[in-house]
Amino acid sequence: MARIFGIEIPNEKRIEASLPFIYGIGRPTATKILEQAGIDPDIRTGQLSEEQLVKIAQAIQSNGIAIEGDLRRERQVSLKRLTSINCHRGIRHKRGLPVRGQRTRTNARTRKGKKKTVGVKK
């Protein structure tokens, strides 16, 4: 397995498809990185030389792309900020409800969890 910034990416896939295994890099970003590094996106990851891996790492750093731990930390800090100032989005995050205006009377099961029946008595 090839390693970029301490993250192992699969050898048998094309480099364009294996870069998105790094948290914070998607398909479009991967193509931009490979374009900037001057590497053919059809090459398998296992066939890359050390120089090419270094070029990819430099392209990621030069673009200022936040990846892995830094990105996770950044997102966590922004969520903590929202909850601490008690804004609408922060409150929804705190209560485990949908954040972006979806309906909750029906649906929203992914966010709310398993259904709890309330008030059914005979």
PDB file of N, CA and C in Angstrom:
ATOM      1  N   MET A   1       0.839  -1.194   0.000  1.00  0.00           N
ATOM      2  CA  MET A   1       0.000   0.000   0.000  1.00  0.00           C
ATOM      3  C   MET A   1       0.876   1.248   0.000  1.00  0.00           C
ATOM      4  N   ALA A   2       0.539   2.197  -0.856  1.00  0.00           N
ATOM      5  CA  ALA A   2       1.270   3.458  -0.915  1.00  0.00           C
ATOM      6  C   ALA A   2       0.814   4.345   0.243  1.00  0.00           C
ATOM      7  N   ARG A   3       1.721   5.150   0.732  1.00  0.00           N
ATOM      8  CA  ARG A   3       1.396   6.036   1.850  1.00  0.00           C
ATOM      9  C   ARG A   3       1.614   7.492   1.455  1.00  0.00           C
ATOM     10  N   ILE A   4       0.587   8.308   1.707  1.00  0.00           N
ATOM     11  CA  ILE A   4       0.688   9.759   1.515  1.00  0.00           C
ATOM     12  C   ILE A   4       0.231  10.393   2.819  1.00  0.00           C
ATOM     13  N   PHE A   5       1.076  11.186   3.434  1.00  0.00           N
ATOM     14  CA  PHE A   5       0.800  11.823   4.735  1.00  0.00           C
ATOM     15  C   PHE A   5       0.426  10.797   5.802  1.00  0.00           C
ATOM     16  N   GLY A   6       1.009   9.607   5.729  1.00  0.00           N
ATOM     17  CA  GLY A   6       0.747   8.573   6.719  1.00  0.00           C
ATOM     18  C   GLY A   6      -0.547   7.823   6.514  1.00  0.00           C
ATOM     19  N   ILE A   7      -1.240   8.090   5.394  1.00  0.00           N
ATOM     20  CA  ILE A   7      -2.491   7.408   5.100  1.00  0.00           C
ATOM     21  C   ILE A   7      -2.233   6.401   3.994  1.00  0.00           C
ATOM     22  N   GLU A   8      -2.628   5.161   4.216  1.00  0.00           N
ATOM     23  CA  GLU A   8      -2.421   4.131   3.207  1.00  0.00           C
ATOM     24  C   GLU A   8      -3.555   4.167   2.199  1.00  0.00           C
ATOM     25  N   ILE A   9      -3.174   4.182   0.906  1.00  0.00           N
ATOM     26  CA  ILE A   9      -4.163   4.153  -0.166  1.00  0.00           C
ATOM     27  C   ILE A   9      -3.960   2.876  -0.972  1.00  0.00           C
ATOM     28  N   PRO A  10      -5.053   2.305  -1.524  1.00  0.00           N
ATOM     29  CA  PRO A  10      -4.960   1.002  -2.195  1.00  0.00           C
ATOM     30  C   PRO A  10      -4.055   1.010  -3.430  1.00  0.00           C
ATOM     31  N   ASN A  11      -3.280  -0.055  -3.600  1.00  0.00           N
ATOM     32  CA  ASN A  11      -2.325  -0.171  -4.713  1.00  0.00           C
ATOM     33  C   ASN A  11      -2.976  -0.589  -6.014  1.00  0.00           C
ATOM     34  N   GLU A  12      -4.025  -1.407  -5.949  1.00  0.00           N
ATOM     35  CA  GLU A  12      -4.572  -2.003  -7.164  1.00  0.00           C
ATOM     36  C   GLU A  12      -5.489  -1.069  -7.952  1.00  0.00           C
ATOM     37  N   LYS A  13      -5.913   0.037  -7.366  1.00  0.00           N
ATOM     38  CA  LYS A  13      -6.811   0.984  -8.038  1.00  0.00           C
ATOM     39  C   LYS A  13      -6.017   2.032  -8.810  1.00  0.00           C
ATOM     40  N   ARG A  14      -6.717   2.711  -9.727  1.00  0.00           N
ATOM     41  CA  ARG A  14      -6.103   3.849 -10.410  1.00  0.00           C
ATOM     42  C   ARG A  14      -5.868   4.942  -9.376  1.00  0.00           C
ATOM     43  N   ILE A  15      -4.826   5.728  -9.579  1.00  0.00           N
ATOM     44  CA  ILE A  15      -4.480   6.772  -8.593  1.00  0.00           C
ATOM     45  C   ILE A  15      -5.625   7.768  -8.433  1.00  0.00           C
ATOM     46  N   GLU A  16      -6.349   8.024  -9.521  1.00  0.00           N
ATOM     47  CA  GLU A  16      -7.478   8.954  -9.471  1.00  0.00           C
ATOM     48  C   GLU A  16      -8.584   8.418  -8.552  1.00  0.00           C
ATOM     49  N   ALA A  17      -8.730   7.103  -8.496  1.00  0.00           N
ATOM     50  CA  ALA A  17      -9.770   6.488  -7.663  1.00  0.00           C
ATOM     51  C   ALA A  17      -9.283   6.213  -6.246  1.00  0.00           C
ATOM     52  N   SER A  18      -7.964   6.115  -6.052  1.00  0.00           N
ATOM     53  CA  SER A  18      -7.470   5.785  -4.711  1.00  0.00           C
ATOM     54  C   SER A  18      -7.174   7.032  -3.874  1.00  0.00           C
ATOM     55  N   LEU A  19      -6.985   8.184  -4.485  1.00  0.00           N
ATOM     56  CA  LEU A  19      -6.774   9.421  -3.708  1.00  0.00           C
ATOM     57  C   LEU A  19      -7.978   9.785  -2.838  1.00  0.00           C
ATOM     58  N   PRO A  20      -9.230   9.571  -3.307  1.00  0.00           N
ATOM     59  CA  PRO A  20     -10.373   9.879  -2.441  1.00  0.00           C
ATOM     60  C   PRO A  20     -10.473   9.030  -1.176  1.00  0.00           C
ATOM     61  N   PHE A  21      -9.603   8.030  -0.996  1.00  0.00           N
ATOM     62  CA  PHE A  21      -9.571   7.281   0.257  1.00  0.00           C
ATOM     63  C   PHE A  21      -9.023   8.157   1.379  1.00  0.00           C
ATOM     64  N   ILE A  22      -8.391   9.263   1.029  1.00  0.00           N
ATOM     65  CA  ILE A  22      -7.909  10.233   2.021  1.00  0.00           C
ATOM     66  C   ILE A  22      -9.083  11.131   2.381  1.00  0.00           C
ATOM     67  N   TYR A  23      -9.396  11.240   3.668  1.00  0.00           N
ATOM     68  CA  TYR A  23     -10.512  12.065   4.131  1.00  0.00           C
ATOM     69  C   TYR A  23     -10.253  13.522   3.771  1.00  0.00           C
ATOM     70  N   GLY A  24     -11.169  14.116   3.019  1.00  0.00           N
ATOM     71  CA  GLY A  24     -11.014  15.512   2.623  1.00  0.00           C
ATOM     72  C   GLY A  24     -10.695  15.673   1.151  1.00  0.00           C
ATOM     73  N   ILE A  25     -10.457  14.552   0.445  1.00  0.00           N
ATOM     74  CA  ILE A  25     -10.190  14.615  -0.990  1.00  0.00           C
ATOM     75  C   ILE A  25     -11.255  13.797  -1.696  1.00  0.00           C
ATOM     76  N   GLY A  26     -11.959  14.441  -2.629  1.00  0.00           N
ATOM     77  CA  GLY A  26     -12.967  13.759  -3.430  1.00  0.00           C
ATOM     78  C   GLY A  26     -12.468  13.572  -4.850  1.00  0.00           C
ATOM     79  N   ARG A  27     -13.327  13.114  -5.734  1.00  0.00           N
ATOM     80  CA  ARG A  27     -12.940  12.880  -7.125  1.00  0.00           C
ATOM     81  C   ARG A  27     -12.465  14.157  -7.823  1.00  0.00           C
ATOM     82  N   PRO A  28     -13.231  15.267  -7.772  1.00  0.00           N
ATOM     83  CA  PRO A  28     -12.790  16.472  -8.479  1.00  0.00           C
ATOM     84  C   PRO A  28     -11.455  16.998  -7.951  1.00  0.00           C
ATOM     85  N   THR A  29     -11.276  16.982  -6.642  1.00  0.00           N
ATOM     86  CA  THR A  29     -10.028  17.453  -6.042  1.00  0.00           C
ATOM     87  C   THR A  29      -8.876  16.551  -6.451  1.00  0.00           C
ATOM     88  N   ALA A  30      -9.124  15.244  -6.530  1.00  0.00           N
ATOM     89  CA  ALA A  30      -8.090  14.292  -6.924  1.00  0.00           C
ATOM     90  C   ALA A  30      -7.604  14.573  -8.337  1.00  0.00           C
ATOM     91  N   THR A  31      -8.535  14.861  -9.247  1.00  0.00           N
ATOM     92  CA  THR A  31      -8.122  15.152 -10.631  1.00  0.00           C
ATOM     93  C   THR A  31      -7.318  16.440 -10.703  1.00  0.00           C
ATOM     94  N   LYS A  32      -7.705  17.447  -9.920  1.00  0.00           N
ATOM     95  CA  LYS A  32      -6.943  18.709  -9.901  1.00  0.00           C
ATOM     96  C   LYS A  32      -5.535  18.490  -9.364  1.00  0.00           C
ATOM     97  N   ILE A  33      -5.421  17.685  -8.310  1.00  0.00           N
ATOM     98  CA  ILE A  33      -4.111  17.405  -7.708  1.00  0.00           C
ATOM     99  C   ILE A  33      -3.209  16.697  -8.710  1.00  0.00           C
ATOM    100  N   LEU A  34      -3.750  15.690  -9.404  1.00  0.00           N
ATOM    101  CA  LEU A  34      -2.959  14.930 -10.371  1.00  0.00           C
ATOM    102  C   LEU A  34      -2.563  15.795 -11.565  1.00  0.00           C
ATOM    103  N   GLU A  35      -3.463  16.677 -11.966  1.00  0.00           N
ATOM    104  CA  GLU A  35      -3.165  17.609 -13.060  1.00  0.00           C
ATOM    105  C   GLU A  35      -2.009  18.523 -12.674  1.00  0.00           C
ATOM    106  N   GLN A  36      -2.063  19.041 -11.466  1.00  0.00           N
ATOM    107  CA  GLN A  36      -1.019  19.952 -10.983  1.00  0.00           C
ATOM    108  C   GLN A  36       0.306  19.223 -10.808  1.00  0.00           C
ATOM    109  N   ALA A  37       0.255  17.966 -10.361  1.00  0.00           N
ATOM    110  CA  ALA A  37       1.479  17.196 -10.149  1.00  0.00           C
ATOM    111  C   ALA A  37       2.037  16.652 -11.462  1.00  0.00           C
ATOM    112  N   GLY A  38       1.221  16.672 -12.521  1.00  0.00           N
ATOM    113  CA  GLY A  38       1.660  16.181 -13.823  1.00  0.00           C
ATOM    114  C   GLY A  38       1.742  14.669 -13.882  1.00  0.00           C
ATOM    115  N   ILE A  39       0.764  14.005 -13.274  1.00  0.00           N
ATOM    116  CA  ILE A  39       0.740  12.543 -13.230  1.00  0.00           C
ATOM    117  C   ILE A  39      -0.499  12.049 -13.963  1.00  0.00           C
ATOM    118  N   ASP A  40      -0.319  10.985 -14.764  1.00  0.00           N
ATOM    119  CA  ASP A  40      -1.421  10.395 -15.515  1.00  0.00           C
ATOM    120  C   ASP A  40      -2.409   9.744 -14.549  1.00  0.00           C
ATOM    121  N   PRO A  41      -3.703  10.116 -14.612  1.00  0.00           N
ATOM    122  CA  PRO A  41      -4.681   9.562 -13.674  1.00  0.00           C
ATOM    123  C   PRO A  41      -4.971   8.077 -13.877  1.00  0.00           C
ATOM    124  N   ASP A  42      -4.560   7.499 -15.018  1.00  0.00           N
ATOM    125  CA  ASP A  42      -4.838   6.090 -15.300  1.00  0.00           C
ATOM    126  C   ASP A  42      -3.799   5.131 -14.726  1.00  0.00           C
ATOM    127  N   ILE A  43      -2.695   5.651 -14.194  1.00  0.00           N
ATOM    128  CA  ILE A  43      -1.654   4.794 -13.616  1.00  0.00           C
ATOM    129  C   ILE A  43      -2.180   4.177 -12.324  1.00  0.00           C
ATOM    130  N   ARG A  44      -1.837   2.909 -12.103  1.00  0.00           N
ATOM    131  CA  ARG A  44      -2.197   2.249 -10.850  1.00  0.00           C
ATOM    132  C   ARG A  44      -1.314   2.790  -9.732  1.00  0.00           C
ATOM    133  N   THR A  45      -1.845   2.858  -8.545  1.00  0.00           N
ATOM    134  CA  THR A  45      -1.118   3.418  -7.403  1.00  0.00           C
ATOM    135  C   THR A  45       0.163   2.643  -7.119  1.00  0.00           C
ATOM    136  N   GLY A  46       0.133   1.331  -7.288  1.00  0.00           N
ATOM    137  CA  GLY A  46       1.301   0.504  -7.024  1.00  0.00           C
ATOM    138  C   GLY A  46       2.454   0.767  -7.975  1.00  0.00           C
ATOM    139  N   GLN A  47       2.170   1.349  -9.145  1.00  0.00           N
ATOM    140  CA  GLN A  47       3.200   1.617 -10.148  1.00  0.00           C
ATOM    141  C   GLN A  47       3.866   2.976  -9.960  1.00  0.00           C
ATOM    142  N   LEU A  48       3.384   3.771  -9.017  1.00  0.00           N
ATOM    143  CA  LEU A  48       3.957   5.108  -8.806  1.00  0.00           C
ATOM    144  C   LEU A  48       5.323   5.014  -8.137  1.00  0.00           C
ATOM    145  N   SER A  49       6.222   5.912  -8.542  1.00  0.00           N
ATOM    146  CA  SER A  49       7.534   5.967  -7.897  1.00  0.00           C
ATOM    147  C   SER A  49       7.449   6.868  -6.664  1.00  0.00           C
ATOM    148  N   GLU A  50       8.491   6.860  -5.871  1.00  0.00           N
ATOM    149  CA  GLU A  50       8.541   7.718  -4.678  1.00  0.00           C
ATOM    150  C   GLU A  50       8.458   9.187  -5.068  1.00  0.00           C
ATOM    151  N   GLU A  51       9.131   9.554  -6.164  1.00  0.00           N
ATOM    152  CA  GLU A  51       9.114  10.954  -6.631  1.00  0.00           C
ATOM    153  C   GLU A  51       7.698  11.410  -6.945  1.00  0.00           C
ATOM    154  N   GLN A  52       6.926  10.541  -7.605  1.00  0.00           N
ATOM    155  CA  GLN A  52       5.554  10.889  -7.958  1.00  0.00           C
ATOM    156  C   GLN A  52       4.687  11.031  -6.716  1.00  0.00           C
ATOM    157  N   LEU A  53       4.896  10.170  -5.726  1.00  0.00           N
ATOM    158  CA  LEU A  53       4.142  10.291  -4.474  1.00  0.00           C
ATOM    159  C   LEU A  53       4.474  11.598  -3.770  1.00  0.00           C
ATOM    160  N   VAL A  54       5.751  11.990  -3.818  1.00  0.00           N
ATOM    161  CA  VAL A  54       6.169  13.254  -3.208  1.00  0.00           C
ATOM    162  C   VAL A  54       5.527  14.429  -3.943  1.00  0.00           C
ATOM    163  N   LYS A  55       5.448  14.342  -5.282  1.00  0.00           N
ATOM    164  CA  LYS A  55       4.808  15.403  -6.076  1.00  0.00           C
ATOM    165  C   LYS A  55       3.339  15.548  -5.695  1.00  0.00           C
ATOM    166  N   ILE A  56       2.666  14.421  -5.497  1.00  0.00           N
ATOM    167  CA  ILE A  56       1.252  14.456  -5.099  1.00  0.00           C
ATOM    168  C   ILE A  56       1.113  15.121  -3.729  1.00  0.00           C
ATOM    169  N   ALA A  57       1.980  14.744  -2.790  1.00  0.00           N
ATOM    170  CA  ALA A  57       1.940  15.329  -1.444  1.00  0.00           C
ATOM    171  C   ALA A  57       2.193  16.834  -1.499  1.00  0.00           C
ATOM    172  N   GLN A  58       3.142  17.253  -2.347  1.00  0.00           N
ATOM    173  CA  GLN A  58       3.438  18.685  -2.482  1.00  0.00           C
ATOM    174  C   GLN A  58       2.259  19.435  -3.093  1.00  0.00           C
ATOM    175  N   ALA A  59       1.580  18.807  -4.061  1.00  0.00           N
ATOM    176  CA  ALA A  59       0.410  19.445  -4.685  1.00  0.00           C
ATOM    177  C   ALA A  59      -0.706  19.632  -3.662  1.00  0.00           C
ATOM    178  N   ILE A  60      -0.882  18.654  -2.784  1.00  0.00           N
ATOM    179  CA  ILE A  60      -1.917  18.757  -1.744  1.00  0.00           C
ATOM    180  C   ILE A  60      -1.574  19.900  -0.786  1.00  0.00           C
ATOM    181  N   GLN A  61      -0.300  19.983  -0.390  1.00  0.00           N
ATOM    182  CA  GLN A  61       0.118  21.040   0.537  1.00  0.00           C
ATOM    183  C   GLN A  61       0.051  22.417  -0.106  1.00  0.00           C
ATOM    184  N   SER A  62       0.481  22.535  -1.360  1.00  0.00           N
ATOM    185  CA  SER A  62       0.519  23.845  -2.013  1.00  0.00           C
ATOM    186  C   SER A  62      -0.884  24.412  -2.237  1.00  0.00           C
ATOM    187  N   ASN A  63      -1.872  23.524  -2.439  1.00  0.00           N
ATOM    188  CA  ASN A  63      -3.252  23.986  -2.610  1.00  0.00           C
ATOM    189  C   ASN A  63      -3.917  24.324  -1.283  1.00  0.00           C
ATOM    190  N   GLY A  64      -3.271  23.971  -0.183  1.00  0.00           N
ATOM    191  CA  GLY A  64      -3.830  24.258   1.147  1.00  0.00           C
ATOM    192  C   GLY A  64      -5.063  23.435   1.454  1.00  0.00           C
ATOM    193  N   ILE A  65      -5.099  22.200   0.963  1.00  0.00           N
ATOM    194  CA  ILE A  65      -6.248  21.320   1.196  1.00  0.00           C
ATOM    195  C   ILE A  65      -6.125  20.716   2.595  1.00  0.00           C
ATOM    196  N   ALA A  66      -7.154  20.917   3.403  1.00  0.00           N
ATOM    197  CA  ALA A  66      -7.169  20.323   4.744  1.00  0.00           C
ATOM    198  C   ALA A  66      -7.580  18.858   4.613  1.00  0.00           C
ATOM    199  N   ILE A  67      -6.789  17.951   5.201  1.00  0.00           N
ATOM    200  CA  ILE A  67      -7.101  16.529   5.107  1.00  0.00           C
ATOM    201  C   ILE A  67      -7.017  15.864   6.473  1.00  0.00           C
ATOM    202  N   GLU A  68      -7.651  14.715   6.564  1.00  0.00           N
ATOM    203  CA  GLU A  68      -7.627  13.845   7.739  1.00  0.00           C
ATOM    204  C   GLU A  68      -7.832  14.580   9.066  1.00  0.00           C
ATOM    205  N   GLY A  69      -6.877  14.491   9.984  1.00  0.00           N
ATOM    206  CA  GLY A  69      -7.040  15.000  11.350  1.00  0.00           C
ATOM    207  C   GLY A  69      -7.334  16.480  11.419  1.00  0.00           C
ATOM    208  N   ASP A  70      -6.643  17.274  10.575  1.00  0.00           N
ATOM    209  CA  ASP A  70      -6.857  18.721  10.582  1.00  0.00           C
ATOM    210  C   ASP A  70      -8.296  19.061  10.199  1.00  0.00           C
ATOM    211  N   LEU A  71      -8.787  18.401   9.161  1.00  0.00           N
ATOM    212  CA  LEU A  71     -10.141  18.664   8.685  1.00  0.00           C
ATOM    213  C   LEU A  71     -11.177  18.216   9.717  1.00  0.00           C
ATOM    214  N   ARG A  72     -10.955  17.044  10.298  1.00  0.00           N
ATOM    215  CA  ARG A  72     -11.884  16.561  11.325  1.00  0.00           C
ATOM    216  C   ARG A  72     -11.925  17.528  12.512  1.00  0.00           C
ATOM    217  N   ARG A  73     -10.756  18.003  12.931  1.00  0.00           N
ATOM    218  CA  ARG A  73     -10.659  18.945  14.044  1.00  0.00           C
ATOM    219  C   ARG A  73     -11.376  20.253  13.702  1.00  0.00           C
ATOM    220  N   GLU A  74     -11.160  20.734  12.485  1.00  0.00           N
ATOM    221  CA  GLU A  74     -11.793  21.971  12.027  1.00  0.00           C
ATOM    222  C   GLU A  74     -13.316  21.860  12.100  1.00  0.00           C
ATOM    223  N   ARG A  75     -13.862  20.742  11.591  1.00  0.00           N
ATOM    224  CA  ARG A  75     -15.308  20.528  11.605  1.00  0.00           C
ATOM    225  C   ARG A  75     -15.831  20.427  13.023  1.00  0.00           C
ATOM    226  N   GLN A  76     -15.076  19.747  13.899  1.00  0.00           N
ATOM    227  CA  GLN A  76     -15.496  19.583  15.288  1.00  0.00           C
ATOM    228  C   GLN A  76     -15.529  20.933  16.003  1.00  0.00           C
ATOM    229  N   VAL A  77     -14.543  21.779  15.741  1.00  0.00           N
ATOM    230  CA  VAL A  77     -14.488  23.103  16.363  1.00  0.00           C
ATOM    231  C   VAL A  77     -15.657  23.954  15.900  1.00  0.00           C
ATOM    232  N   SER A  78     -16.000  23.880  14.603  1.00  0.00           N
ATOM    233  CA  SER A  78     -17.116  24.687  14.111  1.00  0.00           C
ATOM    234  C   SER A  78     -18.440  24.219  14.715  1.00  0.00           C
ATOM    235  N   LEU A  79     -18.590  22.897  14.904  1.00  0.00           N
ATOM    236  CA  LEU A  79     -19.804  22.389  15.549  1.00  0.00           C
ATOM    237  C   LEU A  79     -19.891  22.821  17.006  1.00  0.00           C
ATOM    238  N   LYS A  80     -18.759  22.792  17.701  1.00  0.00           N
ATOM    239  CA  LYS A  80     -18.739  23.239  19.104  1.00  0.00           C
ATOM    240  C   LYS A  80     -19.102  24.710  19.209  1.00  0.00           C
ATOM    241  N   ARG A  81     -18.613  25.498  18.246  1.00  0.00           N
ATOM    242  CA  ARG A  81     -18.929  26.929  18.233  1.00  0.00           C
ATOM    243  C   ARG A  81     -20.426  27.140  18.060  1.00  0.00           C
ATOM    244  N   LEU A  82     -21.031  26.406  17.115  1.00  0.00           N
ATOM    245  CA  LEU A  82     -22.470  26.541  16.872  1.00  0.00           C
ATOM    246  C   LEU A  82     -23.278  26.163  18.111  1.00  0.00           C
ATOM    247  N   THR A  83     -22.873  25.092  18.782  1.00  0.00           N
ATOM    248  CA  THR A  83     -23.628  24.680  19.977  1.00  0.00           C
ATOM    249  C   THR A  83     -23.403  25.634  21.142  1.00  0.00           C
ATOM    250  N   SER A  84     -22.218  26.197  21.245  1.00  0.00           N
ATOM    251  CA  SER A  84     -21.948  27.086  22.382  1.00  0.00           C
ATOM    252  C   SER A  84     -22.677  28.423  22.267  1.00  0.00           C
ATOM    253  N   ILE A  85     -22.901  28.913  21.040  1.00  0.00           N
ATOM    254  CA  ILE A  85     -23.605  30.188  20.900  1.00  0.00           C
ATOM    255  C   ILE A  85     -25.117  30.000  20.822  1.00  0.00           C
ATOM    256  N   ASN A  86     -25.553  28.735  20.944  1.00  0.00           N
ATOM    257  CA  ASN A  86     -26.978  28.388  20.944  1.00  0.00           C
ATOM    258  C   ASN A  86     -27.737  28.910  19.727  1.00  0.00           C
ATOM    259  N   CYS A  87     -27.128  28.811  18.562  1.00  0.00           N
ATOM    260  CA  CYS A  87     -27.858  29.176  17.357  1.00  0.00           C
ATOM    261  C   CYS A  87     -28.742  27.996  16.950  1.00  0.00           C
ATOM    262  N   HIS A  88     -29.617  28.208  16.002  1.00  0.00           N
ATOM    263  CA  HIS A  88     -30.582  27.188  15.602  1.00  0.00           C
ATOM    264  C   HIS A  88     -29.879  25.900  15.173  1.00  0.00           C
ATOM    265  N   ARG A  89     -28.870  26.012  14.323  1.00  0.00           N
ATOM    266  CA  ARG A  89     -28.136  24.834  13.849  1.00  0.00           C
ATOM    267  C   ARG A  89     -27.467  24.099  15.004  1.00  0.00           C
ATOM    268  N   GLY A  90     -26.902  24.855  15.947  1.00  0.00           N
ATOM    269  CA  GLY A  90     -26.243  24.242  17.094  1.00  0.00           C
ATOM    270  C   GLY A  90     -27.207  23.468  17.969  1.00  0.00           C
ATOM    271  N   ILE A  91     -28.395  24.034  18.177  1.00  0.00           N
ATOM    272  CA  ILE A  91     -29.416  23.374  18.992  1.00  0.00           C
ATOM    273  C   ILE A  91     -29.860  22.077  18.322  1.00  0.00           C
ATOM    274  N   ARG A  92     -30.062  22.103  17.002  1.00  0.00           N
ATOM    275  CA  ARG A  92     -30.465  20.907  16.264  1.00  0.00           C
ATOM    276  C   ARG A  92     -29.394  19.827  16.354  1.00  0.00           C
ATOM    277  N   HIS A  93     -28.131  20.223  16.268  1.00  0.00           N
ATOM    278  CA  HIS A  93     -27.038  19.263  16.415  1.00  0.00           C
ATOM    279  C   HIS A  93     -27.063  18.642  17.806  1.00  0.00           C
ATOM    280  N   LYS A  94     -27.266  19.500  18.810  1.00  0.00           N
ATOM    281  CA  LYS A  94     -27.275  19.042  20.203  1.00  0.00           C
ATOM    282  C   LYS A  94     -28.392  18.027  20.447  1.00  0.00           C
ATOM    283  N   ARG A  95     -29.564  18.272  19.865  1.00  0.00           N
ATOM    284  CA  ARG A  95     -30.725  17.402  20.076  1.00  0.00           C
ATOM    285  C   ARG A  95     -30.742  16.189  19.151  1.00  0.00           C
ATOM    286  N   GLY A  96     -29.828  16.152  18.188  1.00  0.00           N
ATOM    287  CA  GLY A  96     -29.774  15.024  17.259  1.00  0.00           C
ATOM    288  C   GLY A  96     -30.908  15.035  16.252  1.00  0.00           C
ATOM    289  N   LEU A  97     -31.326  16.218  15.839  1.00  0.00           N
ATOM    290  CA  LEU A  97     -32.398  16.372  14.853  1.00  0.00           C
ATOM    291  C   LEU A  97     -31.811  16.865  13.536  1.00  0.00           C
ATOM    292  N   PRO A  98     -32.570  16.776  12.427  1.00  0.00           N
ATOM    293  CA  PRO A  98     -32.060  17.284  11.153  1.00  0.00           C
ATOM    294  C   PRO A  98     -31.748  18.773  11.242  1.00  0.00           C
ATOM    295  N   VAL A  99     -30.645  19.178  10.630  1.00  0.00           N
ATOM    296  CA  VAL A  99     -30.142  20.528  10.808  1.00  0.00           C
ATOM    297  C   VAL A  99     -30.619  21.468   9.707  1.00  0.00           C
ATOM    298  N   ARG A 100     -30.868  20.937   8.521  1.00  0.00           N
ATOM    299  CA  ARG A 100     -31.072  21.809   7.363  1.00  0.00           C
ATOM    300  C   ARG A 100     -32.523  21.965   6.936  1.00  0.00           C
ATOM    301  N   GLY A 101     -33.445  22.019   7.884  1.00  0.00           N
ATOM    302  CA  GLY A 101     -34.826  22.366   7.573  1.00  0.00           C
ATOM    303  C   GLY A 101     -35.702  21.235   7.080  1.00  0.00           C
ATOM    304  N   GLN A 102     -35.262  19.991   7.213  1.00  0.00           N
ATOM    305  CA  GLN A 102     -36.105  18.890   6.772  1.00  0.00           C
ATOM    306  C   GLN A 102     -37.263  18.689   7.740  1.00  0.00           C
ATOM    307  N   ARG A 103     -38.323  18.029   7.259  1.00  0.00           N
ATOM    308  CA  ARG A 103     -39.469  17.774   8.123  1.00  0.00           C
ATOM    309  C   ARG A 103     -39.132  16.658   9.107  1.00  0.00           C
ATOM    310  N   THR A 104     -39.763  16.722  10.288  1.00  0.00           N
ATOM    311  CA  THR A 104     -39.477  15.703  11.298  1.00  0.00           C
ATOM    312  C   THR A 104     -40.733  14.974  11.765  1.00  0.00           C
ATOM    313  N   ARG A 105     -41.892  15.402  11.308  1.00  0.00           N
ATOM    314  CA  ARG A 105     -43.119  14.721  11.732  1.00  0.00           C
ATOM    315  C   ARG A 105     -43.116  13.280  11.215  1.00  0.00           C
ATOM    316  N   THR A 106     -42.776  13.124   9.964  1.00  0.00           N
ATOM    317  CA  THR A 106     -42.519  11.799   9.422  1.00  0.00           C
ATOM    318  C   THR A 106     -41.080  11.831   8.912  1.00  0.00           C
ATOM    319  N   ASN A 107     -40.550  10.693   8.598  1.00  0.00           N
ATOM    320  CA  ASN A 107     -39.169  10.585   8.110  1.00  0.00           C
ATOM    321  C   ASN A 107     -38.169  11.015   9.189  1.00  0.00           C
ATOM    322  N   ALA A 108     -36.995  11.446   8.812  1.00  0.00           N
ATOM    323  CA  ALA A 108     -35.924  11.865   9.728  1.00  0.00           C
ATOM    324  C   ALA A 108     -35.461  10.744  10.647  1.00  0.00           C
ATOM    325  N   ARG A 109     -35.720   9.485  10.273  1.00  0.00           N
ATOM    326  CA  ARG A 109     -35.346   8.357  11.117  1.00  0.00           C
ATOM    327  C   ARG A 109     -33.836   8.175  11.231  1.00  0.00           C
ATOM    328  N   THR A 110     -33.103   8.544  10.207  1.00  0.00           N
ATOM    329  CA  THR A 110     -31.656   8.389  10.257  1.00  0.00           C
ATOM    330  C   THR A 110     -31.082   9.224  11.378  1.00  0.00           C
ATOM    331  N   ARG A 111     -31.586  10.419  11.522  1.00  0.00           N
ATOM    332  CA  ARG A 111     -31.075  11.360  12.497  1.00  0.00           C
ATOM    333  C   ARG A 111     -31.646  11.098  13.894  1.00  0.00           C
ATOM    334  N   LYS A 112     -32.955  10.750  13.948  1.00  0.00           N
ATOM    335  CA  LYS A 112     -33.625  10.589  15.231  1.00  0.00           C
ATOM    336  C   LYS A 112     -33.417   9.221  15.862  1.00  0.00           C
ATOM    337  N   GLY A 113     -33.082   8.210  15.060  1.00  0.00           N
ATOM    338  CA  GLY A 113     -32.885   6.867  15.589  1.00  0.00           C
ATOM    339  C   GLY A 113     -34.153   6.036  15.522  1.00  0.00           C
ATOM    340  N   LYS A 114     -34.144   4.907  16.189  1.00  0.00           N
ATOM    341  CA  LYS A 114     -35.278   3.986  16.163  1.00  0.00           C
ATOM    342  C   LYS A 114     -36.510   4.635  16.765  1.00  0.00           C
ATOM    343  N   LYS A 115     -37.682   4.317  16.181  1.00  0.00           N
ATOM    344  CA  LYS A 115     -38.945   4.921  16.599  1.00  0.00           C
ATOM    345  C   LYS A 115     -39.288   4.564  18.042  1.00  0.00           C
ATOM    346  N   LYS A 116     -39.697   5.561  18.837  1.00  0.00           N
ATOM    347  CA  LYS A 116     -40.141   5.344  20.204  1.00  0.00           C
ATOM    348  C   LYS A 116     -41.621   5.708  20.263  1.00  0.00           C
ATOM    349  N   THR A 117     -42.459   4.754  20.559  1.00  0.00           N
ATOM    350  CA  THR A 117     -43.874   4.999  20.646  1.00  0.00           C
ATOM    351  C   THR A 117     -44.194   5.716  21.946  1.00  0.00           C
ATOM    352  N   VAL A 118     -44.993   6.773  21.852  1.00  0.00           N
ATOM    353  CA  VAL A 118     -45.321   7.580  23.026  1.00  0.00           C
ATOM    354  C   VAL A 118     -46.830   7.673  23.172  1.00  0.00           C
ATOM    355  N   GLY A 119     -47.347   7.489  24.379  1.00  0.00           N
ATOM    356  CA  GLY A 119     -48.745   7.773  24.691  1.00  0.00           C
ATOM    357  C   GLY A 119     -49.762   6.793  24.132  1.00  0.00           C
ATOM    358  N   VAL A 120     -49.451   5.516  24.004  1.00  0.00           N
ATOM    359  CA  VAL A 120     -50.433   4.553  23.542  1.00  0.00           C
ATOM    360  C   VAL A 120     -50.882   3.741  24.758  1.00  0.00           C
ATOM    361  N   LYS A 121     -52.046   4.107  25.318  1.00  0.00           N
ATOM    362  CA  LYS A 121     -52.575   3.442  26.502  1.00  0.00           C
ATOM    363  C   LYS A 121     -54.033   3.107  26.288  1.00  0.00           C
ATOM    364  N   LYS A 122     -54.476   2.023  26.894  1.00  0.00           N
ATOM    365  CA  LYS A 122     -55.895   1.665  26.775  1.00  0.00           C
ATOM    366  C   LYS A 122     -56.572   1.652  28.091  1.00  0.00           C
TER     367      LYS A 122
END
